[in-house]
Structure formats: structure tokens, C-alpha cells
Amino acid sequence: MASISVVIPSIIRTPDILDVIRCLEIQTLVPKQILVIIPHRYCIHNSIIFEELQQLRSVSIYTTNFAGQVRQRVYGTRLATGDYILQLDDD
């Protein structure tokens, strides 16, 4: 069966990202991996949401030294190992 990697660029400005991930976890075909790509400086400003993300076992968090959705998506796509890659917004 084919596997899916999900790439979510984020600056974790709202807790909506947690809802997005919880919805992914209950799909018929659960993603092989969920990659959340966050610029390092935003992890500090939104530490409560960041801490909650770290507690989700299905999520791999990668921090970068750069911001910008396009660069974050490219970075996440390079890390993805699924047969298919789904790119989602964090809300």
C-alpha cells in the first residue's frame, strides 16, 4: 500500500495546527509521517503550542534558520520518505 508524508510549514501562530494534525491521525489512510517545519525564532515566541506539538508521537518537528513557506515546503519535501507528499497549511 502507498504511504503518505505530510509537510506542514508553520510559524505556529495559532493552535489550529494541533487540530490539523489530530484530523490527519484519524484518516482511513494514516500518514507515514507528519513533518512540521518551523523557523527557529518562532519556537520561542509560541512555546506553549510548540511544547504540545513535541508531545504528539506522530509528528516530527524540524526547525530552520529561515522563514518563508516556500523554503519550508521545499525543506520538508526533501525530508519526506512517503510515496506521496501532501503539503498542508497549518490552519
C-alpha atoms as a PDB file:
ATOM      1  CA  MET A   1       0.000   0.000   0.000  1.00  0.00           C
ATOM      2  CA  ALA A   2       1.210   3.501  -0.799  1.00  0.00           C
ATOM      3  CA  SER A   3       2.432   5.723   2.013  1.00  0.00           C
ATOM      4  CA  ILE A   4       1.865   9.417   2.535  1.00  0.00           C
ATOM      5  CA  SER A   5       4.153  12.053   4.019  1.00  0.00           C
ATOM      6  CA  VAL A   6       2.551  15.312   5.113  1.00  0.00           C
ATOM      7  CA  VAL A   7       4.581  18.532   5.118  1.00  0.00           C
ATOM      8  CA  ILE A   8       3.230  21.458   7.146  1.00  0.00           C
ATOM      9  CA  PRO A   9       5.191  24.717   7.141  1.00  0.00           C
ATOM     10  CA  SER A  10       4.259  26.800  10.142  1.00  0.00           C
ATOM     11  CA  ILE A  11       5.080  29.741  12.327  1.00  0.00           C
ATOM     12  CA  ILE A  12       2.707  28.218  14.923  1.00  0.00           C
ATOM     13  CA  ARG A  13       0.759  31.436  15.290  1.00  0.00           C
ATOM     14  CA  THR A  14      -2.453  29.658  16.321  1.00  0.00           C
ATOM     15  CA  PRO A  15      -3.337  26.318  17.901  1.00  0.00           C
ATOM     16  CA  ASP A  16      -5.119  25.335  14.652  1.00  0.00           C
ATOM     17  CA  ILE A  17      -2.106  23.239  13.689  1.00  0.00           C
ATOM     18  CA  LEU A  18      -2.963  20.852  16.526  1.00  0.00           C
ATOM     19  CA  ASP A  19      -6.453  20.341  15.064  1.00  0.00           C
ATOM     20  CA  VAL A  20      -4.986  19.720  11.605  1.00  0.00           C
ATOM     21  CA  ILE A  21      -2.688  17.017  12.977  1.00  0.00           C
ATOM     22  CA  ARG A  22      -5.403  15.363  15.048  1.00  0.00           C
ATOM     23  CA  CYS A  23      -7.604  15.163  11.940  1.00  0.00           C
ATOM     24  CA  LEU A  24      -4.763  13.553   9.984  1.00  0.00           C
ATOM     25  CA  GLU A  25      -4.342  10.927  12.702  1.00  0.00           C
ATOM     26  CA  ILE A  26      -7.918   9.643  12.279  1.00  0.00           C
ATOM     27  CA  GLN A  27      -7.989   9.322   8.486  1.00  0.00           C
ATOM     28  CA  THR A  28      -8.581   5.984   6.773  1.00  0.00           C
ATOM     29  CA  LEU A  29      -5.015   6.072   5.463  1.00  0.00           C
ATOM     30  CA  VAL A  30      -2.914   7.498   8.274  1.00  0.00           C
ATOM     31  CA  PRO A  31       0.198   9.350   7.071  1.00  0.00           C
ATOM     32  CA  LYS A  32       3.518   7.544   7.357  1.00  0.00           C
ATOM     33  CA  GLN A  33       4.999  10.777   8.644  1.00  0.00           C
ATOM     34  CA  ILE A  34       3.891  14.281   9.528  1.00  0.00           C
ATOM     35  CA  LEU A  35       6.663  16.835   9.171  1.00  0.00           C
ATOM     36  CA  VAL A  36       6.176  20.241  10.753  1.00  0.00           C
ATOM     37  CA  ILE A  37       8.744  22.777   9.576  1.00  0.00           C
ATOM     38  CA  ILE A  38       9.163  25.797  11.868  1.00  0.00           C
ATOM     39  CA  PRO A  39      11.598  28.707  11.752  1.00  0.00           C
ATOM     40  CA  HIS A  40      13.639  28.556  14.952  1.00  0.00           C
ATOM     41  CA  ARG A  41      12.722  32.039  16.137  1.00  0.00           C
ATOM     42  CA  TYR A  42       9.006  31.144  16.242  1.00  0.00           C
ATOM     43  CA  CYS A  43       9.510  28.181  18.585  1.00  0.00           C
ATOM     44  CA  ILE A  44      10.442  30.573  21.354  1.00  0.00           C
ATOM     45  CA  HIS A  45       7.546  33.001  20.855  1.00  0.00           C
ATOM     46  CA  ASN A  46       4.891  30.284  20.751  1.00  0.00           C
ATOM     47  CA  SER A  47       6.368  27.895  23.268  1.00  0.00           C
ATOM     48  CA  ILE A  48       3.050  26.504  24.582  1.00  0.00           C
ATOM     49  CA  ILE A  49       1.924  25.302  21.153  1.00  0.00           C
ATOM     50  CA  PHE A  50       5.471  24.129  20.372  1.00  0.00           C
ATOM     51  CA  GLU A  51       5.515  22.024  23.559  1.00  0.00           C
ATOM     52  CA  GLU A  52       2.164  20.454  22.647  1.00  0.00           C
ATOM     53  CA  LEU A  53       3.475  19.606  19.176  1.00  0.00           C
ATOM     54  CA  GLN A  54       6.501  17.898  20.706  1.00  0.00           C
ATOM     55  CA  GLN A  55       4.194  15.600  22.686  1.00  0.00           C
ATOM     56  CA  LEU A  56       2.464  14.216  19.567  1.00  0.00           C
ATOM     57  CA  ARG A  57       4.184  10.950  18.640  1.00  0.00           C
ATOM     58  CA  SER A  58       3.105  11.093  15.016  1.00  0.00           C
ATOM     59  CA  VAL A  59       4.865  14.417  14.399  1.00  0.00           C
ATOM     60  CA  SER A  60       8.467  15.144  13.510  1.00  0.00           C
ATOM     61  CA  ILE A  61       9.416  18.764  14.089  1.00  0.00           C
ATOM     62  CA  TYR A  62      12.231  20.373  12.165  1.00  0.00           C
ATOM     63  CA  THR A  63      13.408  23.885  12.900  1.00  0.00           C
ATOM     64  CA  THR A  64      15.143  26.018  10.314  1.00  0.00           C
ATOM     65  CA  ASN A  65      17.197  29.179  10.320  1.00  0.00           C
ATOM     66  CA  PHE A  66      14.973  30.662   7.631  1.00  0.00           C
ATOM     67  CA  ALA A  67      11.341  31.700   7.312  1.00  0.00           C
ATOM     68  CA  GLY A  68       9.056  31.597   4.302  1.00  0.00           C
ATOM     69  CA  GLN A  69       6.523  28.968   3.343  1.00  0.00           C
ATOM     70  CA  VAL A  70       8.111  28.068   0.032  1.00  0.00           C
ATOM     71  CA  ARG A  71      11.518  27.368   1.554  1.00  0.00           C
ATOM     72  CA  GLN A  72       9.892  25.472   4.411  1.00  0.00           C
ATOM     73  CA  ARG A  73       7.894  23.322   1.967  1.00  0.00           C
ATOM     74  CA  VAL A  74      10.990  22.550  -0.095  1.00  0.00           C
ATOM     75  CA  TYR A  75      12.917  21.624   3.052  1.00  0.00           C
ATOM     76  CA  GLY A  76      10.102  19.346   4.243  1.00  0.00           C
ATOM     77  CA  THR A  77       9.741  17.731   0.822  1.00  0.00           C
ATOM     78  CA  ARG A  78      13.422  16.807   0.871  1.00  0.00           C
ATOM     79  CA  LEU A  79      12.932  15.086   4.234  1.00  0.00           C
ATOM     80  CA  ALA A  80       9.759  13.231   3.229  1.00  0.00           C
ATOM     81  CA  THR A  81      10.020   9.475   2.685  1.00  0.00           C
ATOM     82  CA  GLY A  82       6.464   8.590   1.656  1.00  0.00           C
ATOM     83  CA  ASP A  83       5.387   7.505  -1.806  1.00  0.00           C
ATOM     84  CA  TYR A  84       3.179  10.604  -1.983  1.00  0.00           C
ATOM     85  CA  ILE A  85       3.682  14.009  -0.400  1.00  0.00           C
ATOM     86  CA  LEU A  86       0.783  16.118   0.805  1.00  0.00           C
ATOM     87  CA  GLN A  87       1.500  19.743   1.639  1.00  0.00           C
ATOM     88  CA  LEU A  88      -0.921  21.408   4.017  1.00  0.00           C
ATOM     89  CA  ASP A  89      -1.268  24.799   5.637  1.00  0.00           C
ATOM     90  CA  ASP A  90      -1.226  24.936   9.401  1.00  0.00           C
ATOM     91  CA  ASP A  91      -4.800  26.150   9.684  1.00  0.00           C
END
